[in-house]
N, C-alpha and C. Protein backbone atom coordinates (compact mmCIF):
# COMPACT_ATOMS: atom_id res chain seq x y z
N UNK A 1 92.75 143.51 69.47
CA UNK A 1 93.75 143.51 70.58
C UNK A 1 93.49 142.21 71.36
N UNK A 2 94.58 141.33 71.65
CA UNK A 2 94.18 140.10 72.45
C UNK A 2 93.94 140.43 73.86
N UNK A 3 93.21 139.56 74.49
CA UNK A 3 92.98 139.80 76.12
C UNK A 3 94.06 139.20 76.83
N UNK A 4 94.13 139.53 78.07
CA UNK A 4 95.15 138.96 78.98
C UNK A 4 94.95 137.60 79.25
N UNK A 5 93.79 136.98 78.99
CA UNK A 5 93.42 135.77 79.19
C UNK A 5 94.30 134.83 78.18
N UNK A 6 94.14 135.47 76.81
CA UNK A 6 94.72 134.80 75.65
C UNK A 6 96.19 134.59 75.75
N UNK A 7 96.82 135.65 76.39
CA UNK A 7 98.19 135.77 76.47
C UNK A 7 98.79 134.96 77.63
N UNK A 8 97.96 134.59 78.55
CA UNK A 8 98.47 133.71 79.68
C UNK A 8 98.45 132.30 79.37
N UNK A 9 97.55 131.77 78.49
CA UNK A 9 97.37 130.27 78.22
C UNK A 9 98.41 129.97 77.28
N UNK A 10 99.23 128.89 77.67
CA UNK A 10 100.23 128.47 76.69
C UNK A 10 99.54 127.86 75.40
N UNK A 11 100.44 128.02 74.39
CA UNK A 11 100.18 127.49 73.00
C UNK A 11 100.15 125.85 73.06
N UNK A 12 99.56 125.38 71.95
CA UNK A 12 99.68 123.92 71.90
C UNK A 12 101.15 123.40 71.92
N UNK A 13 102.09 124.25 71.17
CA UNK A 13 103.31 123.63 71.12
C UNK A 13 103.93 123.71 72.58
N UNK A 14 103.74 124.77 73.19
CA UNK A 14 104.24 124.81 74.54
C UNK A 14 103.80 123.76 75.55
N UNK A 15 102.50 123.43 75.44
CA UNK A 15 101.86 122.49 76.30
C UNK A 15 102.36 121.04 75.98
N UNK A 16 102.52 120.75 74.74
CA UNK A 16 103.18 119.56 74.28
C UNK A 16 104.64 119.28 74.66
N UNK A 17 105.49 120.53 74.77
CA UNK A 17 106.79 120.53 75.16
C UNK A 17 106.76 120.07 76.63
N UNK A 18 105.91 120.89 77.38
CA UNK A 18 105.84 120.65 78.82
C UNK A 18 105.51 119.29 79.09
N UNK A 19 104.45 118.58 78.44
CA UNK A 19 103.90 117.27 78.73
C UNK A 19 105.22 116.36 78.49
N UNK A 20 105.86 116.46 77.46
CA UNK A 20 107.04 115.56 77.05
C UNK A 20 107.98 115.71 78.19
N UNK A 21 108.41 116.90 78.59
CA UNK A 21 109.35 117.00 79.63
C UNK A 21 108.94 116.27 81.04
N UNK A 22 107.80 116.63 81.33
CA UNK A 22 107.26 115.94 82.64
C UNK A 22 107.12 114.35 82.46
N UNK A 23 106.76 113.94 81.44
CA UNK A 23 106.65 112.42 81.02
C UNK A 23 108.07 112.01 81.06
N UNK A 24 108.98 112.62 80.47
CA UNK A 24 110.44 112.08 80.41
C UNK A 24 110.91 112.11 81.83
N UNK A 25 110.68 113.12 82.65
CA UNK A 25 111.41 113.14 83.98
C UNK A 25 110.62 111.84 84.75
N UNK A 26 109.30 111.67 84.65
CA UNK A 26 108.70 110.58 85.33
C UNK A 26 109.31 109.19 84.94
N UNK A 27 109.55 109.08 83.65
CA UNK A 27 110.07 107.71 83.14
C UNK A 27 111.55 107.60 83.52
N UNK A 28 112.31 108.69 83.59
CA UNK A 28 113.94 108.50 84.04
C UNK A 28 113.86 108.23 85.55
N UNK A 29 112.76 108.88 86.23
CA UNK A 29 112.84 108.59 87.74
C UNK A 29 112.55 107.10 87.93
N UNK A 30 111.56 106.46 87.19
CA UNK A 30 111.28 105.06 87.32
C UNK A 30 112.39 104.11 86.97
N UNK A 31 113.09 104.55 85.92
CA UNK A 31 114.02 103.64 85.25
C UNK A 31 115.39 103.82 85.88
N UNK A 32 115.81 104.93 86.47
CA UNK A 32 117.08 105.12 86.95
C UNK A 32 117.09 105.38 88.39
N UNK A 33 116.13 106.15 89.01
CA UNK A 33 116.24 106.44 90.47
C UNK A 33 115.45 105.56 91.34
N UNK A 34 114.35 105.08 90.97
CA UNK A 34 113.42 104.28 91.95
C UNK A 34 114.18 102.97 92.39
N UNK A 35 114.72 102.11 91.35
CA UNK A 35 115.38 101.00 91.87
C UNK A 35 116.53 101.13 92.93
N UNK A 36 117.36 102.28 92.75
CA UNK A 36 118.48 102.59 93.75
C UNK A 36 117.77 102.94 95.03
N UNK A 37 116.62 103.82 94.90
CA UNK A 37 116.00 104.21 96.09
C UNK A 37 115.28 103.05 96.92
N UNK A 38 114.71 102.20 96.24
CA UNK A 38 114.22 100.91 96.81
C UNK A 38 115.23 100.23 97.53
N UNK A 39 116.47 100.00 96.93
CA UNK A 39 117.64 99.38 97.43
C UNK A 39 118.08 100.07 98.77
N UNK A 40 118.34 101.39 98.61
CA UNK A 40 118.86 102.00 99.84
C UNK A 40 117.97 102.19 101.11
N UNK A 41 116.67 102.29 100.75
CA UNK A 41 115.60 102.39 101.80
C UNK A 41 115.32 101.02 102.37
N UNK A 42 115.45 100.00 101.59
CA UNK A 42 115.23 98.60 102.11
C UNK A 42 116.40 98.25 102.96
N UNK A 43 117.72 98.51 102.53
CA UNK A 43 118.90 98.30 103.37
C UNK A 43 118.83 99.10 104.60
N UNK A 44 118.41 100.24 104.62
CA UNK A 44 118.36 101.00 105.87
C UNK A 44 117.33 100.51 106.76
N UNK A 45 116.12 100.23 106.27
CA UNK A 45 115.11 99.75 107.15
C UNK A 45 115.11 98.31 107.69
N UNK A 46 115.59 97.50 106.74
CA UNK A 46 115.61 96.03 107.05
C UNK A 46 116.90 95.45 107.25
N UNK A 47 117.99 96.24 106.81
CA UNK A 47 119.29 95.72 106.85
C UNK A 47 119.78 94.95 105.53
N UNK A 48 120.96 94.94 105.29
CA UNK A 48 121.52 94.37 103.97
C UNK A 48 121.59 92.81 104.31
N UNK A 49 121.13 92.09 103.12
CA UNK A 49 121.38 90.61 103.25
C UNK A 49 122.57 90.46 102.41
N UNK A 50 123.02 89.20 102.69
CA UNK A 50 124.23 88.63 102.02
C UNK A 50 124.17 88.69 100.46
N UNK A 51 125.02 89.28 99.72
CA UNK A 51 125.17 89.27 98.37
C UNK A 51 124.34 90.47 97.73
N UNK A 52 123.74 91.25 98.53
CA UNK A 52 122.95 92.39 97.95
C UNK A 52 123.67 93.40 97.47
N UNK A 53 123.50 93.92 96.30
CA UNK A 53 124.24 95.19 95.82
C UNK A 53 123.26 95.99 95.13
N UNK A 54 123.64 97.26 94.89
CA UNK A 54 122.75 98.20 94.23
C UNK A 54 122.62 97.79 92.79
N UNK A 55 123.60 97.14 92.17
CA UNK A 55 123.58 96.83 90.67
C UNK A 55 122.74 95.52 90.67
N UNK A 56 122.64 94.84 91.78
CA UNK A 56 121.98 93.56 91.80
C UNK A 56 120.55 93.90 91.67
N UNK A 57 119.97 94.95 92.25
CA UNK A 57 118.64 95.24 92.25
C UNK A 57 118.36 95.69 90.75
N UNK A 58 119.09 96.44 89.99
CA UNK A 58 118.96 96.63 88.66
C UNK A 58 118.90 95.55 87.78
N UNK A 59 119.73 94.66 87.98
CA UNK A 59 119.75 93.35 87.33
C UNK A 59 118.38 92.49 87.36
N UNK A 60 118.05 92.56 88.77
CA UNK A 60 116.83 91.90 89.02
C UNK A 60 115.51 92.64 88.35
N UNK A 61 115.39 93.86 88.57
CA UNK A 61 114.31 94.57 87.92
C UNK A 61 114.32 94.46 86.47
N UNK A 62 115.33 94.72 85.94
CA UNK A 62 115.46 94.75 84.36
C UNK A 62 115.33 93.42 83.71
N UNK A 63 115.88 92.28 84.53
CA UNK A 63 115.59 90.93 84.26
C UNK A 63 114.19 90.53 84.22
N UNK A 64 113.46 91.15 85.22
CA UNK A 64 112.03 90.90 85.46
C UNK A 64 111.25 91.46 84.24
N UNK A 65 111.69 92.43 83.63
CA UNK A 65 110.98 93.03 82.42
C UNK A 65 111.02 91.94 81.33
N UNK A 66 112.13 91.26 81.20
CA UNK A 66 112.17 90.32 80.13
C UNK A 66 111.23 89.11 80.32
N UNK A 67 111.14 88.86 81.69
CA UNK A 67 110.26 87.67 82.14
C UNK A 67 108.73 88.09 82.35
N UNK A 68 108.54 89.33 82.14
CA UNK A 68 107.11 89.93 82.25
C UNK A 68 106.67 90.01 83.62
N UNK A 69 107.62 90.25 84.56
CA UNK A 69 107.25 90.36 86.00
C UNK A 69 106.41 91.69 86.12
N UNK A 70 105.22 91.56 86.84
CA UNK A 70 104.40 92.70 87.03
C UNK A 70 105.07 93.68 88.02
N UNK A 71 105.74 93.21 89.01
CA UNK A 71 106.43 94.07 90.06
C UNK A 71 107.49 95.00 89.37
N UNK A 72 108.28 94.35 88.33
CA UNK A 72 109.34 95.11 87.70
C UNK A 72 108.68 96.27 86.81
N UNK A 73 107.50 95.94 86.04
CA UNK A 73 106.86 96.88 85.27
C UNK A 73 106.33 98.04 86.30
N UNK A 74 105.79 97.74 87.45
CA UNK A 74 105.14 98.59 88.34
C UNK A 74 106.23 99.41 88.85
N UNK A 75 107.52 98.94 89.12
CA UNK A 75 108.52 99.85 89.78
C UNK A 75 108.89 100.84 88.63
N UNK A 76 109.12 100.39 87.45
CA UNK A 76 109.72 101.25 86.36
C UNK A 76 108.59 102.27 85.75
N UNK A 77 107.33 101.81 85.71
CA UNK A 77 106.43 102.75 85.25
C UNK A 77 105.53 103.48 86.17
N UNK A 78 105.89 103.21 87.43
CA UNK A 78 105.03 103.76 88.63
C UNK A 78 105.05 105.14 88.62
N UNK A 79 106.01 105.90 88.62
CA UNK A 79 106.07 107.31 88.53
C UNK A 79 105.33 107.88 87.35
N UNK A 80 105.40 107.29 86.15
CA UNK A 80 104.54 107.86 85.13
C UNK A 80 103.07 107.49 85.33
N UNK A 81 102.80 106.40 85.97
CA UNK A 81 101.44 106.14 86.14
C UNK A 81 100.91 107.14 87.26
N UNK A 82 101.54 107.47 88.30
CA UNK A 82 101.15 108.46 89.25
C UNK A 82 101.04 109.77 88.58
N UNK A 83 101.77 110.14 87.58
CA UNK A 83 101.69 111.44 86.99
C UNK A 83 100.45 111.39 86.09
N UNK A 84 100.17 110.39 85.40
CA UNK A 84 98.87 110.38 84.63
C UNK A 84 97.60 110.27 85.53
N UNK A 85 97.60 109.69 86.71
CA UNK A 85 96.64 109.59 87.66
C UNK A 85 96.28 111.08 88.19
N UNK A 86 97.37 111.76 88.46
CA UNK A 86 97.33 113.24 88.87
C UNK A 86 96.75 114.01 87.80
N UNK A 87 97.22 113.84 86.65
CA UNK A 87 96.51 114.67 85.58
C UNK A 87 95.10 114.28 85.32
N UNK A 88 94.65 112.97 85.40
CA UNK A 88 93.34 112.72 85.43
C UNK A 88 92.43 113.29 86.50
N UNK A 89 92.92 113.30 87.87
CA UNK A 89 92.27 114.03 88.80
C UNK A 89 92.09 115.45 88.60
N UNK A 90 93.11 116.00 88.11
CA UNK A 90 93.13 117.42 87.84
C UNK A 90 92.09 117.88 86.80
N UNK A 91 91.98 116.94 85.69
CA UNK A 91 90.98 117.10 84.65
C UNK A 91 89.55 116.99 85.17
N UNK A 92 89.33 115.99 86.13
CA UNK A 92 88.03 115.83 86.74
C UNK A 92 87.64 116.98 87.62
N UNK A 93 88.65 117.54 88.41
CA UNK A 93 88.45 118.57 89.16
C UNK A 93 88.01 119.87 88.43
N UNK A 94 88.82 120.15 87.32
CA UNK A 94 88.47 121.21 86.48
C UNK A 94 87.11 121.12 85.85
N UNK A 95 86.75 119.86 85.39
CA UNK A 95 85.40 119.66 84.77
C UNK A 95 84.18 119.86 85.70
N UNK A 96 84.58 119.35 86.95
CA UNK A 96 83.47 119.58 87.93
C UNK A 96 83.22 121.07 88.47
N UNK A 97 84.25 121.88 88.24
CA UNK A 97 84.05 123.19 88.51
C UNK A 97 83.22 123.97 87.39
N UNK A 98 83.45 123.43 86.20
CA UNK A 98 82.65 123.99 85.00
C UNK A 98 81.11 123.58 85.23
N UNK A 99 80.89 122.52 85.74
CA UNK A 99 79.39 122.17 86.08
C UNK A 99 78.65 122.92 87.15
N UNK A 100 79.42 123.37 88.12
CA UNK A 100 78.84 124.04 89.41
C UNK A 100 78.40 125.46 89.02
């Protein structure tokens, strides 16, 4: 008879499915939401400048990808990087509790 601990742990397929969903959400956030958020927060805090549009920032960010701009890559992959950083901290935390 399986123990309750075995029934509470997700199987490998479920863990991979959850990992793919969370990674997808982070990437969609970076590619779709973050440029618009940067535009609207910047326009609110600093005011709009002449010729600035929400679609202009998308053109600028995606154009920066083709030129190899580090800023564009950071904007688009930033949420995924934060997700990976959080996972790394969580793994270190769990490993440190096993040593104690």
